[in-house]
C-alpha atoms as a PDB file:
ATOM      1  CA  MET A   1     100.240 135.344  45.349  1.00  0.00           C
ATOM      2  CA  LYS A   2     100.913 131.200  46.233  1.00  0.00           C
ATOM      3  CA  LYS A   3     103.694 132.240  48.411  1.00  0.00           C
ATOM      4  CA  ILE A   4     101.592 134.357  50.353  1.00  0.00           C
ATOM      5  CA  LYS A   5      98.756 131.463  50.816  1.00  0.00           C
ATOM      6  CA  LYS A   6     101.327 129.134  52.060  1.00  0.00           C
ATOM      7  CA  ILE A   7     102.904 131.367  54.780  1.00  0.00           C
ATOM      8  CA  ASN A   8      99.610 132.407  56.088  1.00  0.00           C
ATOM      9  CA  LEU A   9      98.722 128.455  55.765  1.00  0.00           C
ATOM     10  CA  LEU A  10     102.046 128.226  57.935  1.00  0.00           C
ATOM     11  CA  ALA A  11     101.075 130.819  60.249  1.00  0.00           C
ATOM     12  CA  VAL A  12      97.286 129.325  61.139  1.00  0.00           C
ATOM     13  CA  LEU A  13      98.897 125.971  61.499  1.00  0.00           C
ATOM     14  CA  PHE A  14     101.813 127.576  63.791  1.00  0.00           C
ATOM     15  CA  LEU A  15      99.340 129.321  65.883  1.00  0.00           C
ATOM     16  CA  ALA A  16      96.849 125.757  65.660  1.00  0.00           C
ATOM     17  CA  LEU A  17      99.786 123.849  66.990  1.00  0.00           C
ATOM     18  CA  PHE A  18     100.777 126.618  70.004  1.00  0.00           C
ATOM     19  CA  ALA A  19      97.313 126.900  70.956  1.00  0.00           C
ATOM     20  CA  VAL A  20      96.860 123.022  71.682  1.00  0.00           C
ATOM     21  CA  SER A  21     100.420 122.632  73.308  1.00  0.00           C
ATOM     22  CA  CYS A  22     100.062 125.559  75.584  1.00  0.00           C
ATOM     23  CA  GLY A  23      96.039 125.708  76.353  1.00  0.00           C
ATOM     24  CA  GLY A  24      94.482 123.912  78.907  1.00  0.00           C
ATOM     25  CA  GLY A  25      97.783 122.265  80.090  1.00  0.00           C
ATOM     26  CA  THR A  26      97.189 123.791  83.714  1.00  0.00           C
ATOM     27  CA  GLU A  27      95.714 120.540  85.797  1.00  0.00           C
ATOM     28  CA  ASP A  28      93.524 121.746  88.775  1.00  0.00           C
ATOM     29  CA  PRO A  29      94.368 120.523  91.746  1.00  0.00           C
ATOM     30  CA  LYS A  30      93.021 117.266  93.162  1.00  0.00           C
ATOM     31  CA  ILE A  31      90.931 118.296  96.014  1.00  0.00           C
ATOM     32  CA  ASP A  32      88.498 116.308  97.949  1.00  0.00           C
ATOM     33  CA  LYS A  33      87.866 118.010 101.105  1.00  0.00           C
ATOM     34  CA  THR A  34      86.317 115.223 102.651  1.00  0.00           C
ATOM     35  CA  GLN A  35      89.531 113.483 102.756  1.00  0.00           C
ATOM     36  CA  ILE A  36      91.146 115.573 105.136  1.00  0.00           C
ATOM     37  CA  VAL A  37      90.089 113.735 108.441  1.00  0.00           C
ATOM     38  CA  GLY A  38      92.395 110.982 109.246  1.00  0.00           C
ATOM     39  CA  LYS A  39      96.024 110.299 109.671  1.00  0.00           C
ATOM     40  CA  TRP A  40      98.651 111.428 107.326  1.00  0.00           C
ATOM     41  CA  MET A  41     102.511 110.835 107.513  1.00  0.00           C
ATOM     42  CA  THR A  42     105.480 111.291 105.135  1.00  0.00           C
ATOM     43  CA  PRO A  43     106.739 108.251 103.704  1.00  0.00           C
ATOM     44  CA  ASP A  44     109.427 107.847 105.862  1.00  0.00           C
ATOM     45  CA  GLU A  45     107.164 107.564 108.821  1.00  0.00           C
ATOM     46  CA  LYS A  46     109.007 110.029 110.589  1.00  0.00           C
ATOM     47  CA  TYR A  47     106.432 112.992 110.739  1.00  0.00           C
ATOM     48  CA  PHE A  48     102.668 112.690 111.291  1.00  0.00           C
ATOM     49  CA  GLU A  49      99.518 114.835 110.796  1.00  0.00           C
ATOM     50  CA  VAL A  50      95.930 114.123 112.212  1.00  0.00           C
ATOM     51  CA  TYR A  51      92.627 115.660 111.119  1.00  0.00           C
ATOM     52  CA  TYR A  52      89.811 115.046 113.227  1.00  0.00           C
ATOM     53  CA  SER A  53      86.120 115.975 112.048  1.00  0.00           C
ATOM     54  CA  ASP A  54      86.134 118.386 115.193  1.00  0.00           C
ATOM     55  CA  ASN A  55      88.477 120.666 113.359  1.00  0.00           C
ATOM     56  CA  THR A  56      90.899 119.942 115.888  1.00  0.00           C
ATOM     57  CA  GLY A  57      94.389 117.899 115.144  1.00  0.00           C
ATOM     58  CA  LYS A  58      97.742 117.094 116.183  1.00  0.00           C
ATOM     59  CA  GLU A  59     101.472 116.764 114.727  1.00  0.00           C
ATOM     60  CA  TRP A  60     104.759 115.327 115.693  1.00  0.00           C
ATOM     61  CA  ASP A  61     107.367 114.061 114.107  1.00  0.00           C
ATOM     62  CA  LEU A  62     109.789 111.298 115.428  1.00  0.00           C
ATOM     63  CA  LYS A  63     113.080 113.195 113.875  1.00  0.00           C
ATOM     64  CA  ASP A  64     112.562 115.553 116.942  1.00  0.00           C
ATOM     65  CA  ASP A  65     112.128 112.921 119.405  1.00  0.00           C
ATOM     66  CA  VAL A  66     108.518 114.149 119.701  1.00  0.00           C
ATOM     67  CA  THR A  67     106.135 111.273 120.029  1.00  0.00           C
ATOM     68  CA  GLU A  68     102.105 111.328 119.234  1.00  0.00           C
ATOM     69  CA  GLU A  69     101.463 111.649 123.516  1.00  0.00           C
ATOM     70  CA  GLU A  70     103.898 115.038 122.760  1.00  0.00           C
ATOM     71  CA  ALA A  71     102.357 116.326 119.709  1.00  0.00           C
ATOM     72  CA  SER A  72     101.571 119.568 119.058  1.00  0.00           C
ATOM     73  CA  TRP A  73      97.812 120.414 119.010  1.00  0.00           C
ATOM     74  CA  PHE A  74      95.908 122.788 116.641  1.00  0.00           C
ATOM     75  CA  THR A  75      92.632 123.789 115.240  1.00  0.00           C
ATOM     76  CA  TRP A  76      91.999 124.121 111.594  1.00  0.00           C
ATOM     77  CA  GLU A  77      89.314 125.231 108.621  1.00  0.00           C
ATOM     78  CA  PHE A  78      89.003 125.174 105.314  1.00  0.00           C
ATOM     79  CA  ASP A  79      89.086 128.856 103.569  1.00  0.00           C
ATOM     80  CA  GLU A  80      85.721 129.808 102.759  1.00  0.00           C
ATOM     81  CA  GLY A  81      86.917 131.962 100.232  1.00  0.00           C
ATOM     82  CA  ALA A  82      89.121 129.428  98.164  1.00  0.00           C
ATOM     83  CA  ASP A  83      88.935 125.901  97.289  1.00  0.00           C
ATOM     84  CA  ASP A  84      92.112 125.071  97.904  1.00  0.00           C
ATOM     85  CA  LYS A  85      93.342 126.901 101.062  1.00  0.00           C
ATOM     86  CA  PHE A  86      93.083 125.914 104.726  1.00  0.00           C
ATOM     87  CA  PHE A  87      94.032 127.301 108.340  1.00  0.00           C
ATOM     88  CA  LYS A  88      96.052 125.696 111.061  1.00  0.00           C
ATOM     89  CA  TYR A  89      95.900 127.502 114.474  1.00  0.00           C
ATOM     90  CA  TYR A  90      97.897 126.874 117.324  1.00  0.00           C
ATOM     91  CA  GLU A  91      97.139 128.095 120.893  1.00  0.00           C
ATOM     92  CA  MET A  92     100.736 129.249 122.378  1.00  0.00           C
ATOM     93  CA  GLU A  93     101.047 128.283 126.084  1.00  0.00           C
ATOM     94  CA  ILE A  94     101.757 131.904 126.961  1.00  0.00           C
ATOM     95  CA  GLY A  95      98.746 132.960 125.365  1.00  0.00           C
ATOM     96  CA  GLY A  96      97.201 133.622 121.864  1.00  0.00           C
ATOM     97  CA  THR A  97      96.988 132.391 118.627  1.00  0.00           C
ATOM     98  CA  VAL A  98      99.537 131.493 116.151  1.00  0.00           C
ATOM     99  CA  PRO A  99      97.280 130.819 112.544  1.00  0.00           C
ATOM    100  CA  GLN A 100      99.054 129.264 109.789  1.00  0.00           C
ATOM    101  CA  TYR A 101      97.672 129.768 106.353  1.00  0.00           C
ATOM    102  CA  CYS A 102      98.001 126.450 104.111  1.00  0.00           C
ATOM    103  CA  ASN A 103      97.816 126.452 100.290  1.00  0.00           C
ATOM    104  CA  ILE A 104      96.353 122.621  99.066  1.00  0.00           C
ATOM    105  CA  LEU A 105      98.139 121.299  96.105  1.00  0.00           C
ATOM    106  CA  GLU A 106      96.610 117.805  96.327  1.00  0.00           C
ATOM    107  CA  LEU A 107      93.698 115.929  98.627  1.00  0.00           C
ATOM    108  CA  SER A 108      93.069 112.728  97.835  1.00  0.00           C
ATOM    109  CA  ALA A 109      91.970 109.556  99.679  1.00  0.00           C
ATOM    110  CA  THR A 110      96.132 108.609  99.346  1.00  0.00           C
ATOM    111  CA  ASN A 111      97.605 111.360  98.970  1.00  0.00           C
ATOM    112  CA  PHE A 112      97.813 114.961 100.821  1.00  0.00           C
ATOM    113  CA  ARG A 113     100.252 117.377  99.483  1.00  0.00           C
ATOM    114  CA  TYR A 114     100.167 121.268 100.838  1.00  0.00           C
ATOM    115  CA  ASN A 115     102.626 124.498 101.402  1.00  0.00           C
ATOM    116  CA  ASN A 116     102.676 126.228 104.614  1.00  0.00           C
ATOM    117  CA  GLU A 117     102.856 129.935 103.552  1.00  0.00           C
ATOM    118  CA  GLY A 118     104.539 130.771 106.858  1.00  0.00           C
ATOM    119  CA  PHE A 119     106.991 128.189 107.011  1.00  0.00           C
ATOM    120  CA  ARG A 120     107.766 128.020 103.040  1.00  0.00           C
ATOM    121  CA  ALA A 121     107.494 124.315 103.674  1.00  0.00           C
ATOM    122  CA  THR A 122     105.878 121.530 101.622  1.00  0.00           C
ATOM    123  CA  TYR A 123     104.405 119.074 103.050  1.00  0.00           C
ATOM    124  CA  ASN A 124     103.850 115.415 101.080  1.00  0.00           C
ATOM    125  CA  LEU A 125     101.894 113.158 103.096  1.00  0.00           C
ATOM    126  CA  ILE A 126     100.137 109.910 102.266  1.00  0.00           C
ATOM    127  CA  ARG A 127      97.743 108.302 104.286  1.00  0.00           C
ATOM    128  CA  ALA A 128      98.574 106.454 107.433  1.00  0.00           C
ATOM    129  CA  GLU A 129      96.233 103.722 107.930  1.00  0.00           C
END
C-alpha cells in the first residue's frame, strides 16, 4: 500500500512539474500598433521602410542601389480581424494592386519584426531615428 502511495505521489509531482514547465510558456507578441508610424531600417542600415500616419509608406534597399528618392510606394492597413497582422498594397505600373499579408512578430518603440507571407521572408527592423 505504501508503494502505491509513493507512486501516486511521484506521478502527481511529475504532472505538476510538467504543467509548470510547459504551461504558459508562450509569450504573446510584443505589439503596440501605435508604434508602426516612423522610419525603420535593418541593423546594417541598408534596407529601409517608412510608415506614414495617412496609411502610405515607402521602402528602398541600398544593396540593390535603390535610394530613398527611388523608393517603392505602398499603402498599408492593420487587419481588423487580427491583432498581429497587417496588409501592404503595392500599385503596379501596368495597373492593379498587389497585396502583401504580413504577420507582426514584434512591434515596439524600437523594434519591428514581421514576416511576409508572399515572399516568405522575415524582416528584423529597428527604429531609424
